[in-house]
Structures are given as C-alpha cells and as structure tokens.
Amino acid sequence: MNKQVLTDFYNQHKGEILGAAIGFVIAVIVLILGLLKALFIVLCVVFGFYIGKKLYQDKDYIKNLLDRILPPGTYR
C-alpha cells in the first residue's frame, strides 16, 4: 500500500485507531498483571495527567493547592 493511502486512512479514522490501540494496551496489561494492578496503573496515569495538565495551565497550581491544604506560608 501507498504511504499516502495509509496517511489518509489514519487521518479519517484517528479516533477509532487510537481508541483501539489504547484498549489493546489496557487488555494486555490486565492479562499480564491482573485487574487490580492494572486499575492502579490506570489511576496513577490519570492522576499524573491531571496534575500535569494543571501545572501546564497554571505554574503556581502546586503553591495554591498547598496554601489551601496547609496554613499559608508554611512550605516557603
């Protein structure tokens, strides 16, 4: 097959291809590690993604979060 044909196919079906790949990877992890370990890994990845997204959007996110949890100025 031609590279252009594959590129066009990928661009038209990007969501389906990525969803299938993610589903396949999760299925392999569940088969190898078991359900609870796989869920733990998924939760860690989701938590890391969330923190990374917040840090990218707001550079002072961690400082503001610690100010809400701890008394202000205790970690500075």
N, C-alpha and C. Protein backbone atom coordinates (compact mmCIF):
# COMPACT_ATOMS: atom_id res chain seq x y z
N MET A 1 0.83 -1.19 0.00
CA MET A 1 0.00 0.00 0.00
C MET A 1 0.87 1.25 0.00
N ASN A 2 0.31 2.27 -0.46
CA ASN A 2 0.97 3.55 -0.59
C ASN A 2 0.96 4.28 0.75
N LYS A 3 2.04 5.01 1.03
CA LYS A 3 2.12 5.77 2.28
C LYS A 3 1.02 6.83 2.36
N GLN A 4 0.69 7.44 1.26
CA GLN A 4 -0.36 8.47 1.23
C GLN A 4 -1.72 7.86 1.57
N VAL A 5 -1.99 6.66 1.09
CA VAL A 5 -3.26 5.99 1.38
C VAL A 5 -3.36 5.70 2.87
N LEU A 6 -2.27 5.21 3.47
CA LEU A 6 -2.28 4.94 4.91
C LEU A 6 -2.43 6.22 5.72
N THR A 7 -1.78 7.30 5.29
CA THR A 7 -1.90 8.58 5.98
C THR A 7 -3.32 9.11 5.91
N ASP A 8 -3.93 9.01 4.74
CA ASP A 8 -5.33 9.45 4.59
C ASP A 8 -6.27 8.62 5.46
N PHE A 9 -6.04 7.30 5.46
CA PHE A 9 -6.88 6.42 6.28
C PHE A 9 -6.75 6.78 7.75
N TYR A 10 -5.51 7.00 8.21
CA TYR A 10 -5.28 7.36 9.61
C TYR A 10 -5.95 8.69 9.95
N ASN A 11 -5.83 9.68 9.07
CA ASN A 11 -6.43 10.98 9.34
C ASN A 11 -7.95 10.92 9.38
N GLN A 12 -8.55 10.03 8.60
CA GLN A 12 -10.01 9.90 8.59
C GLN A 12 -10.53 9.12 9.79
N HIS A 13 -9.70 8.21 10.34
CA HIS A 13 -10.15 7.32 11.42
C HIS A 13 -9.22 7.41 12.63
N LYS A 14 -8.73 8.61 12.93
CA LYS A 14 -7.75 8.78 14.01
C LYS A 14 -8.31 8.36 15.37
N GLY A 15 -9.52 8.77 15.68
CA GLY A 15 -10.11 8.43 16.98
C GLY A 15 -10.32 6.94 17.16
N GLU A 16 -10.80 6.28 16.11
CA GLU A 16 -11.04 4.85 16.20
C GLU A 16 -9.73 4.07 16.36
N ILE A 17 -8.70 4.48 15.63
CA ILE A 17 -7.42 3.78 15.70
C ILE A 17 -6.78 3.97 17.07
N LEU A 18 -6.78 5.19 17.58
CA LEU A 18 -6.19 5.44 18.89
C LEU A 18 -6.98 4.74 20.00
N GLY A 19 -8.31 4.75 19.90
CA GLY A 19 -9.14 4.06 20.89
C GLY A 19 -8.88 2.57 20.90
N ALA A 20 -8.75 1.98 19.71
CA ALA A 20 -8.47 0.54 19.63
C ALA A 20 -7.08 0.22 20.21
N ALA A 21 -6.11 1.09 19.92
CA ALA A 21 -4.75 0.86 20.44
C ALA A 21 -4.73 0.97 21.96
N ILE A 22 -5.41 1.96 22.51
CA ILE A 22 -5.46 2.11 23.96
C ILE A 22 -6.18 0.93 24.60
N GLY A 23 -7.28 0.50 24.00
CA GLY A 23 -7.99 -0.68 24.51
C GLY A 23 -7.14 -1.93 24.47
N PHE A 24 -6.37 -2.09 23.41
CA PHE A 24 -5.48 -3.25 23.31
C PHE A 24 -4.41 -3.23 24.39
N VAL A 25 -3.81 -2.07 24.60
CA VAL A 25 -2.76 -1.95 25.62
C VAL A 25 -3.33 -2.24 27.00
N ILE A 26 -4.50 -1.72 27.31
CA ILE A 26 -5.13 -1.97 28.61
C ILE A 26 -5.46 -3.45 28.77
N ALA A 27 -5.94 -4.09 27.71
CA ALA A 27 -6.25 -5.52 27.78
C ALA A 27 -4.99 -6.34 28.04
N VAL A 28 -3.90 -6.00 27.39
CA VAL A 28 -2.65 -6.74 27.61
C VAL A 28 -2.16 -6.54 29.04
N ILE A 29 -2.26 -5.32 29.55
CA ILE A 29 -1.83 -5.05 30.93
C ILE A 29 -2.68 -5.84 31.91
N VAL A 30 -3.99 -5.90 31.69
CA VAL A 30 -4.88 -6.66 32.58
C VAL A 30 -4.53 -8.14 32.52
N LEU A 31 -4.25 -8.67 31.34
CA LEU A 31 -3.90 -10.08 31.22
C LEU A 31 -2.57 -10.40 31.88
N ILE A 32 -1.62 -9.50 31.79
CA ILE A 32 -0.30 -9.76 32.36
C ILE A 32 -0.27 -9.51 33.87
N LEU A 33 -0.81 -8.40 34.32
CA LEU A 33 -0.69 -8.01 35.72
C LEU A 33 -1.89 -8.37 36.58
N GLY A 34 -3.05 -8.46 36.00
CA GLY A 34 -4.26 -8.67 36.77
C GLY A 34 -5.06 -7.39 36.83
N LEU A 35 -6.31 -7.51 37.23
CA LEU A 35 -7.23 -6.38 37.18
C LEU A 35 -6.87 -5.28 38.17
N LEU A 36 -6.59 -5.64 39.42
CA LEU A 36 -6.33 -4.60 40.42
C LEU A 36 -5.05 -3.82 40.15
N LYS A 37 -4.01 -4.52 39.73
CA LYS A 37 -2.76 -3.82 39.41
C LYS A 37 -2.95 -2.93 38.19
N ALA A 38 -3.70 -3.40 37.21
CA ALA A 38 -3.97 -2.60 36.02
C ALA A 38 -4.78 -1.36 36.37
N LEU A 39 -5.78 -1.51 37.24
CA LEU A 39 -6.57 -0.35 37.67
C LEU A 39 -5.71 0.66 38.42
N PHE A 40 -4.79 0.16 39.24
CA PHE A 40 -3.87 1.05 39.94
C PHE A 40 -3.01 1.84 38.96
N ILE A 41 -2.50 1.17 37.94
CA ILE A 41 -1.69 1.85 36.93
C ILE A 41 -2.51 2.90 36.19
N VAL A 42 -3.73 2.55 35.82
CA VAL A 42 -4.60 3.49 35.11
C VAL A 42 -4.90 4.70 35.99
N LEU A 43 -5.18 4.47 37.27
CA LEU A 43 -5.45 5.59 38.18
C LEU A 43 -4.23 6.49 38.33
N CYS A 44 -3.05 5.91 38.42
CA CYS A 44 -1.82 6.72 38.52
C CYS A 44 -1.60 7.55 37.26
N VAL A 45 -1.86 6.95 36.10
CA VAL A 45 -1.69 7.68 34.85
C VAL A 45 -2.68 8.83 34.76
N VAL A 46 -3.93 8.57 35.12
CA VAL A 46 -4.96 9.62 35.07
C VAL A 46 -4.61 10.74 36.04
N PHE A 47 -4.18 10.40 37.25
CA PHE A 47 -3.79 11.40 38.23
C PHE A 47 -2.59 12.22 37.74
N GLY A 48 -1.61 11.55 37.16
CA GLY A 48 -0.45 12.24 36.62
C GLY A 48 -0.81 13.16 35.47
N PHE A 49 -1.71 12.71 34.62
CA PHE A 49 -2.19 13.54 33.51
C PHE A 49 -2.89 14.78 34.04
N TYR A 50 -3.73 14.61 35.04
CA TYR A 50 -4.48 15.73 35.62
C TYR A 50 -3.52 16.76 36.23
N ILE A 51 -2.57 16.29 37.02
CA ILE A 51 -1.61 17.20 37.66
C ILE A 51 -0.76 17.89 36.59
N GLY A 52 -0.31 17.14 35.58
CA GLY A 52 0.49 17.74 34.52
C GLY A 52 -0.28 18.79 33.74
N LYS A 53 -1.55 18.52 33.48
CA LYS A 53 -2.38 19.49 32.76
C LYS A 53 -2.56 20.76 33.58
N LYS A 54 -2.82 20.61 34.88
CA LYS A 54 -2.99 21.77 35.75
C LYS A 54 -1.69 22.57 35.86
N LEU A 55 -0.56 21.88 35.96
CA LEU A 55 0.72 22.58 36.06
C LEU A 55 1.04 23.33 34.78
N TYR A 56 0.68 22.77 33.64
CA TYR A 56 0.93 23.43 32.37
C TYR A 56 0.05 24.67 32.22
N GLN A 57 -1.18 24.60 32.71
CA GLN A 57 -2.09 25.73 32.60
C GLN A 57 -1.75 26.82 33.62
N ASP A 58 -1.38 26.44 34.84
CA ASP A 58 -1.13 27.39 35.92
C ASP A 58 0.16 27.00 36.63
N LYS A 59 1.20 27.78 36.45
CA LYS A 59 2.52 27.45 37.02
C LYS A 59 2.50 27.46 38.56
N ASP A 60 1.58 28.20 39.17
CA ASP A 60 1.50 28.29 40.63
C ASP A 60 0.45 27.35 41.21
N TYR A 61 0.04 26.34 40.45
CA TYR A 61 -1.02 25.43 40.90
C TYR A 61 -0.64 24.71 42.19
N ILE A 62 0.57 24.19 42.27
CA ILE A 62 1.01 23.46 43.46
C ILE A 62 1.06 24.39 44.67
N LYS A 63 1.58 25.60 44.49
CA LYS A 63 1.63 26.55 45.60
C LYS A 63 0.23 26.90 46.08
N ASN A 64 -0.68 27.14 45.15
CA ASN A 64 -2.06 27.46 45.53
C ASN A 64 -2.74 26.28 46.21
N LEU A 65 -2.47 25.08 45.72
CA LEU A 65 -3.04 23.88 46.33
C LEU A 65 -2.52 23.70 47.76
N LEU A 66 -1.23 23.88 47.95
CA LEU A 66 -0.66 23.75 49.30
C LEU A 66 -1.15 24.85 50.22
N ASP A 67 -1.39 26.04 49.68
CA ASP A 67 -1.95 27.13 50.51
C ASP A 67 -3.35 26.77 50.99
N ARG A 68 -4.13 26.05 50.16
CA ARG A 68 -5.47 25.65 50.58
C ARG A 68 -5.43 24.52 51.61
N ILE A 69 -4.43 23.64 51.51
CA ILE A 69 -4.37 22.48 52.41
C ILE A 69 -3.65 22.83 53.70
N LEU A 70 -2.49 23.46 53.60
CA LEU A 70 -1.67 23.81 54.76
C LEU A 70 -1.91 25.28 55.14
N PRO A 71 -1.50 25.66 56.33
CA PRO A 71 -1.56 27.09 56.64
C PRO A 71 -0.66 27.86 55.67
N PRO A 72 -1.10 29.02 55.21
CA PRO A 72 -0.32 29.77 54.22
C PRO A 72 1.11 30.07 54.68
N GLY A 73 2.05 29.88 53.78
CA GLY A 73 3.45 30.23 54.05
C GLY A 73 4.26 29.18 54.78
N THR A 74 3.71 28.00 55.07
CA THR A 74 4.45 27.01 55.85
C THR A 74 5.50 26.28 55.03
N TYR A 75 5.36 26.23 53.72
CA TYR A 75 6.31 25.50 52.89
C TYR A 75 7.30 26.40 52.17
N ARG A 76 7.20 27.69 52.36
CA ARG A 76 8.11 28.64 51.67
C ARG A 76 9.28 28.98 52.53
